[in-house]
């Protein structure tokens, strides 16, 4: 039911920029079945930016259990300048697009090289 996508699990988050798994729930606090959904997620300097800083790879480790994973490989994170960025995740059922997560990511300069 598409109403399940409008529940309280849409929240502000800070995240590890490399990868993150979300366990999405429906309005009854049960796992949201993600069968048939696609997902997109982008990182921007601020929400109104016209350009994306990076696009996350979205995958579904367990659709039936509501698991959605976003990740950025090192080749995508290396050129990102340190600072605070905004990101969101959109789910698309084919007939409805819903923003299910939005938040901020803090990018820091790497300490370890090599």
N, C-alpha and C. Protein backbone atom coordinates (compact mmCIF):
# COMPACT_ATOMS: atom_id res chain seq x y z
N UNK A 1 0.84 -1.17 0.00
CA UNK A 1 0.00 0.00 0.00
C UNK A 1 0.89 1.25 0.00
N UNK A 2 0.64 2.17 -0.94
CA UNK A 2 1.51 3.35 -1.05
C UNK A 2 1.44 4.24 0.17
N UNK A 3 0.38 4.16 0.97
CA UNK A 3 0.30 4.99 2.18
C UNK A 3 1.40 4.61 3.17
N UNK A 4 1.87 3.38 3.08
CA UNK A 4 2.95 2.94 3.97
C UNK A 4 4.22 3.75 3.76
N UNK A 5 4.38 4.34 2.58
CA UNK A 5 5.58 5.11 2.30
C UNK A 5 5.56 6.49 2.94
N UNK A 6 4.44 6.86 3.51
CA UNK A 6 4.31 8.20 4.09
C UNK A 6 4.35 8.15 5.62
N UNK A 7 5.01 7.15 6.17
CA UNK A 7 5.05 7.00 7.62
C UNK A 7 6.27 7.68 8.22
N UNK A 8 6.45 7.50 9.50
CA UNK A 8 7.44 8.24 10.27
C UNK A 8 8.88 7.77 10.07
N UNK A 9 9.14 6.81 9.20
CA UNK A 9 10.53 6.40 9.04
C UNK A 9 11.31 7.35 8.15
N UNK A 10 10.65 8.34 7.60
CA UNK A 10 11.36 9.37 6.83
C UNK A 10 11.93 10.35 7.84
N UNK A 11 13.22 10.33 8.02
CA UNK A 11 13.84 11.13 9.06
C UNK A 11 15.19 11.68 8.61
N UNK A 12 15.61 12.70 9.29
CA UNK A 12 16.91 13.29 9.02
C UNK A 12 17.99 12.37 9.59
N UNK A 13 19.07 12.20 8.85
CA UNK A 13 20.15 11.32 9.30
C UNK A 13 21.50 11.91 8.92
N UNK A 14 22.49 11.60 9.72
CA UNK A 14 23.87 11.78 9.31
C UNK A 14 24.37 10.39 9.02
N UNK A 15 25.28 10.23 8.09
CA UNK A 15 25.65 8.89 7.67
C UNK A 15 27.12 8.76 7.37
N UNK A 16 27.57 7.54 7.38
CA UNK A 16 28.86 7.20 6.81
C UNK A 16 28.66 7.27 5.30
N UNK A 17 29.46 8.05 4.62
CA UNK A 17 29.22 8.29 3.19
C UNK A 17 29.48 7.07 2.32
N UNK A 18 30.28 6.12 2.78
CA UNK A 18 30.65 4.99 1.93
C UNK A 18 29.49 4.03 1.67
N UNK A 19 28.79 3.59 2.71
CA UNK A 19 27.64 2.71 2.50
C UNK A 19 26.77 2.66 3.74
N UNK A 20 25.52 2.35 3.51
CA UNK A 20 24.55 2.31 4.60
C UNK A 20 23.39 1.42 4.19
N UNK A 21 22.92 0.58 5.10
CA UNK A 21 21.74 -0.24 4.87
C UNK A 21 20.61 0.30 5.72
N UNK A 22 19.46 0.49 5.10
CA UNK A 22 18.26 0.95 5.79
C UNK A 22 17.27 -0.20 5.87
N UNK A 23 16.61 -0.31 7.00
CA UNK A 23 15.53 -1.27 7.19
C UNK A 23 14.23 -0.47 7.23
N UNK A 24 13.53 -0.41 6.10
CA UNK A 24 12.33 0.41 5.98
C UNK A 24 11.13 -0.35 6.52
N UNK A 25 10.24 0.39 7.18
CA UNK A 25 9.05 -0.20 7.79
C UNK A 25 7.80 0.46 7.25
N UNK A 26 6.69 -0.30 7.29
CA UNK A 26 5.40 0.26 6.88
C UNK A 26 4.72 0.90 8.08
N UNK A 27 3.48 1.34 7.92
CA UNK A 27 2.78 2.05 8.98
C UNK A 27 2.48 1.17 10.20
N UNK A 28 2.56 -0.15 10.04
CA UNK A 28 2.34 -1.07 11.15
C UNK A 28 3.67 -1.48 11.81
N UNK A 29 4.75 -0.79 11.46
CA UNK A 29 6.10 -1.08 11.97
C UNK A 29 6.60 -2.45 11.58
N UNK A 30 6.08 -2.99 10.50
CA UNK A 30 6.55 -4.25 9.94
C UNK A 30 7.45 -3.92 8.75
N UNK A 31 8.33 -4.84 8.34
CA UNK A 31 9.18 -4.56 7.17
C UNK A 31 8.35 -4.18 5.95
N UNK A 32 8.77 -3.14 5.25
CA UNK A 32 8.09 -2.70 4.03
C UNK A 32 8.56 -3.57 2.88
N UNK A 33 7.66 -4.29 2.24
CA UNK A 33 8.01 -5.15 1.12
C UNK A 33 8.39 -4.28 -0.07
N UNK A 34 9.64 -4.35 -0.49
CA UNK A 34 10.17 -3.51 -1.57
C UNK A 34 10.16 -4.22 -2.93
N UNK A 35 9.46 -5.33 -3.02
CA UNK A 35 9.34 -6.05 -4.29
C UNK A 35 8.73 -5.13 -5.34
N UNK A 36 9.38 -5.03 -6.49
CA UNK A 36 8.88 -4.20 -7.58
C UNK A 36 9.33 -2.74 -7.53
N UNK A 37 10.02 -2.35 -6.50
CA UNK A 37 10.49 -0.97 -6.39
C UNK A 37 11.88 -0.81 -6.99
N UNK A 38 12.17 0.38 -7.46
CA UNK A 38 13.53 0.79 -7.79
C UNK A 38 13.85 1.96 -6.85
N UNK A 39 15.14 2.26 -6.72
CA UNK A 39 15.54 3.35 -5.83
C UNK A 39 16.63 4.17 -6.49
N UNK A 40 16.65 5.46 -6.19
CA UNK A 40 17.72 6.35 -6.60
C UNK A 40 18.11 7.19 -5.38
N UNK A 41 19.39 7.56 -5.33
CA UNK A 41 19.87 8.37 -4.23
C UNK A 41 21.03 9.22 -4.73
N UNK A 42 20.98 10.51 -4.42
CA UNK A 42 22.04 11.42 -4.85
C UNK A 42 22.55 12.23 -3.67
N UNK A 43 23.77 12.70 -3.81
CA UNK A 43 24.44 13.57 -2.86
C UNK A 43 24.60 14.92 -3.54
N UNK A 44 24.19 15.99 -2.84
CA UNK A 44 24.31 17.35 -3.37
C UNK A 44 24.92 18.24 -2.29
N UNK A 45 25.53 19.34 -2.73
CA UNK A 45 26.10 20.28 -1.77
C UNK A 45 25.01 20.85 -0.87
N UNK A 46 23.85 21.13 -1.41
CA UNK A 46 22.68 21.54 -0.62
C UNK A 46 21.44 21.13 -1.40
N UNK A 47 20.29 20.99 -0.75
CA UNK A 47 19.10 20.45 -1.41
C UNK A 47 18.68 21.16 -2.70
N UNK A 48 18.93 22.46 -2.79
CA UNK A 48 18.51 23.21 -3.97
C UNK A 48 19.55 23.19 -5.10
N UNK A 49 20.68 22.53 -4.90
CA UNK A 49 21.72 22.46 -5.93
C UNK A 49 21.15 21.87 -7.21
N UNK A 50 21.55 22.44 -8.34
CA UNK A 50 21.12 21.91 -9.64
C UNK A 50 21.96 20.71 -10.05
N UNK A 51 23.17 20.61 -9.52
CA UNK A 51 24.08 19.53 -9.91
C UNK A 51 24.25 18.53 -8.77
N UNK A 52 24.30 17.26 -9.13
CA UNK A 52 24.58 16.21 -8.17
C UNK A 52 26.09 16.13 -7.95
N UNK A 53 26.51 15.96 -6.72
CA UNK A 53 27.92 15.73 -6.41
C UNK A 53 28.27 14.28 -6.73
N UNK A 54 27.36 13.37 -6.42
CA UNK A 54 27.58 11.94 -6.68
C UNK A 54 26.23 11.23 -6.66
N UNK A 55 26.17 10.09 -7.31
CA UNK A 55 24.98 9.23 -7.26
C UNK A 55 25.35 7.94 -6.56
N UNK A 56 24.57 7.58 -5.56
CA UNK A 56 24.79 6.34 -4.84
C UNK A 56 24.35 5.14 -5.68
N UNK A 57 24.99 4.01 -5.49
CA UNK A 57 24.50 2.75 -6.03
C UNK A 57 23.46 2.24 -5.04
N UNK A 58 22.28 1.93 -5.52
CA UNK A 58 21.20 1.42 -4.67
C UNK A 58 20.99 -0.06 -4.94
N UNK A 59 20.87 -0.82 -3.87
CA UNK A 59 20.62 -2.26 -4.01
C UNK A 59 19.65 -2.69 -2.91
N UNK A 60 19.13 -3.89 -3.05
CA UNK A 60 18.14 -4.42 -2.12
C UNK A 60 18.63 -5.77 -1.58
N UNK A 61 19.35 -5.77 -0.45
CA UNK A 61 19.84 -7.04 0.10
C UNK A 61 18.71 -8.03 0.41
N UNK A 62 17.55 -7.51 0.86
CA UNK A 62 16.40 -8.37 1.15
C UNK A 62 15.13 -7.53 0.98
N UNK A 63 14.55 -7.60 -0.22
CA UNK A 63 13.37 -6.79 -0.53
C UNK A 63 12.20 -7.09 0.41
N UNK A 64 11.95 -8.36 0.67
CA UNK A 64 10.81 -8.75 1.50
C UNK A 64 10.93 -8.21 2.92
N UNK A 65 12.17 -8.03 3.40
CA UNK A 65 12.41 -7.51 4.75
C UNK A 65 12.65 -6.00 4.76
N UNK A 66 12.42 -5.33 3.63
CA UNK A 66 12.53 -3.87 3.58
C UNK A 66 13.94 -3.33 3.61
N UNK A 67 14.92 -4.13 3.20
CA UNK A 67 16.31 -3.68 3.26
C UNK A 67 16.73 -3.00 1.96
N UNK A 68 17.23 -1.80 2.11
CA UNK A 68 17.73 -0.99 1.00
C UNK A 68 19.13 -0.53 1.37
N UNK A 69 20.08 -0.68 0.47
CA UNK A 69 21.47 -0.30 0.73
C UNK A 69 21.89 0.75 -0.29
N UNK A 70 22.55 1.81 0.19
CA UNK A 70 23.17 2.79 -0.71
C UNK A 70 24.66 2.77 -0.44
N UNK A 71 25.44 2.95 -1.51
CA UNK A 71 26.90 2.95 -1.35
C UNK A 71 27.56 3.81 -2.41
N UNK A 72 28.76 4.26 -2.07
CA UNK A 72 29.63 5.00 -2.99
C UNK A 72 31.00 4.35 -2.93
N UNK A 73 31.52 3.95 -4.06
CA UNK A 73 32.87 3.38 -4.10
C UNK A 73 33.93 4.45 -3.92
N UNK A 74 35.15 4.01 -3.64
CA UNK A 74 36.24 4.95 -3.38
C UNK A 74 36.54 5.83 -4.59
N UNK A 75 36.32 5.34 -5.80
CA UNK A 75 36.58 6.18 -6.98
C UNK A 75 35.60 7.34 -7.04
N UNK A 76 34.41 7.19 -6.44
CA UNK A 76 33.44 8.29 -6.42
C UNK A 76 33.64 9.22 -5.23
N UNK A 77 34.14 8.69 -4.12
CA UNK A 77 34.29 9.53 -2.93
C UNK A 77 35.58 10.33 -2.91
N UNK A 78 36.63 9.81 -3.54
CA UNK A 78 37.93 10.48 -3.52
C UNK A 78 37.87 11.93 -3.99
N UNK A 79 37.18 12.25 -5.11
CA UNK A 79 37.20 13.64 -5.58
C UNK A 79 36.24 14.59 -4.85
N UNK A 80 35.45 14.10 -3.92
CA UNK A 80 34.50 14.96 -3.22
C UNK A 80 35.24 15.82 -2.19
N UNK A 81 35.00 17.13 -2.28
CA UNK A 81 35.65 18.06 -1.35
C UNK A 81 35.05 17.93 0.04
N UNK A 82 35.88 18.10 1.09
CA UNK A 82 35.35 18.05 2.45
C UNK A 82 34.25 19.08 2.65
N UNK A 83 33.28 18.73 3.47
CA UNK A 83 32.18 19.63 3.78
C UNK A 83 30.90 18.86 4.08
N UNK A 84 29.84 19.59 4.34
CA UNK A 84 28.54 19.00 4.63
C UNK A 84 27.73 18.95 3.33
N UNK A 85 27.08 17.83 3.10
CA UNK A 85 26.28 17.61 1.90
C UNK A 85 24.90 17.09 2.30
N UNK A 86 23.95 17.19 1.39
CA UNK A 86 22.61 16.66 1.58
C UNK A 86 22.42 15.46 0.67
N UNK A 87 21.60 14.52 1.12
CA UNK A 87 21.27 13.36 0.30
C UNK A 87 19.83 12.97 0.55
N UNK A 88 19.26 12.22 -0.37
CA UNK A 88 17.95 11.63 -0.16
C UNK A 88 17.86 10.32 -0.91
N UNK A 89 16.83 9.56 -0.60
CA UNK A 89 16.56 8.30 -1.28
C UNK A 89 15.12 8.35 -1.77
N UNK A 90 14.94 8.11 -3.06
CA UNK A 90 13.61 8.05 -3.65
C UNK A 90 13.28 6.62 -4.02
N UNK A 91 12.11 6.15 -3.62
CA UNK A 91 11.60 4.86 -4.06
C UNK A 91 10.60 5.10 -5.17
N UNK A 92 10.63 4.24 -6.19
CA UNK A 92 9.73 4.34 -7.33
C UNK A 92 9.03 2.99 -7.50
N UNK A 93 7.70 3.01 -7.37
CA UNK A 93 6.92 1.79 -7.53
C UNK A 93 6.49 1.58 -8.98
N UNK A 94 6.82 2.52 -9.85
CA UNK A 94 6.37 2.49 -11.23
C UNK A 94 5.22 3.46 -11.45
N UNK A 95 4.45 3.71 -10.39
CA UNK A 95 3.35 4.66 -10.49
C UNK A 95 3.45 5.77 -9.46
N UNK A 96 4.35 5.61 -8.49
CA UNK A 96 4.50 6.59 -7.42
C UNK A 96 5.96 6.70 -7.00
N UNK A 97 6.46 7.93 -6.91
CA UNK A 97 7.80 8.18 -6.39
C UNK A 97 7.66 8.83 -5.02
N UNK A 98 8.40 8.29 -4.05
CA UNK A 98 8.32 8.78 -2.68
C UNK A 98 9.70 8.93 -2.09
N UNK A 99 9.97 10.09 -1.48
CA UNK A 99 11.23 10.31 -0.76
C UNK A 99 11.07 9.64 0.60
N UNK A 100 11.89 8.63 0.87
CA UNK A 100 11.75 7.88 2.11
C UNK A 100 12.81 8.22 3.15
N UNK A 101 13.94 8.75 2.73
CA UNK A 101 15.00 9.16 3.65
C UNK A 101 15.61 10.43 3.11
N UNK A 102 15.92 11.36 3.99
CA UNK A 102 16.70 12.53 3.62
C UNK A 102 17.57 12.89 4.80
N UNK A 103 18.72 13.43 4.50
CA UNK A 103 19.62 13.76 5.59
C UNK A 103 20.87 14.46 5.13
N UNK A 104 21.87 14.48 5.99
CA UNK A 104 23.12 15.15 5.68
C UNK A 104 24.28 14.20 5.88
N UNK A 105 25.33 14.43 5.14
CA UNK A 105 26.55 13.63 5.23
C UNK A 105 27.71 14.61 5.40
N UNK A 106 28.60 14.31 6.30
CA UNK A 106 29.79 15.13 6.51
C UNK A 106 30.96 14.42 5.87
N UNK A 107 31.56 15.07 4.88
CA UNK A 107 32.72 14.53 4.20
C UNK A 107 33.96 15.15 4.82
N UNK A 108 34.89 14.30 5.27
CA UNK A 108 36.13 14.79 5.85
C UNK A 108 37.30 14.35 5.00
N UNK A 109 38.38 15.07 5.10
CA UNK A 109 39.58 14.71 4.34
C UNK A 109 40.12 13.38 4.88
N UNK A 110 40.63 12.57 3.98
CA UNK A 110 41.20 11.27 4.38
C UNK A 110 42.46 11.45 5.19
N UNK A 111 42.66 10.55 6.13
CA UNK A 111 43.87 10.57 6.94
C UNK A 111 44.86 9.53 6.41
N UNK A 112 44.34 8.36 6.08
CA UNK A 112 45.18 7.28 5.59
C UNK A 112 45.29 7.35 4.10
N UNK A 113 46.49 7.28 3.57
CA UNK A 113 46.70 7.24 2.11
C UNK A 113 47.55 6.03 1.79
N UNK A 114 47.34 5.49 0.62
CA UNK A 114 48.18 4.40 0.21
C UNK A 114 47.54 3.06 0.23
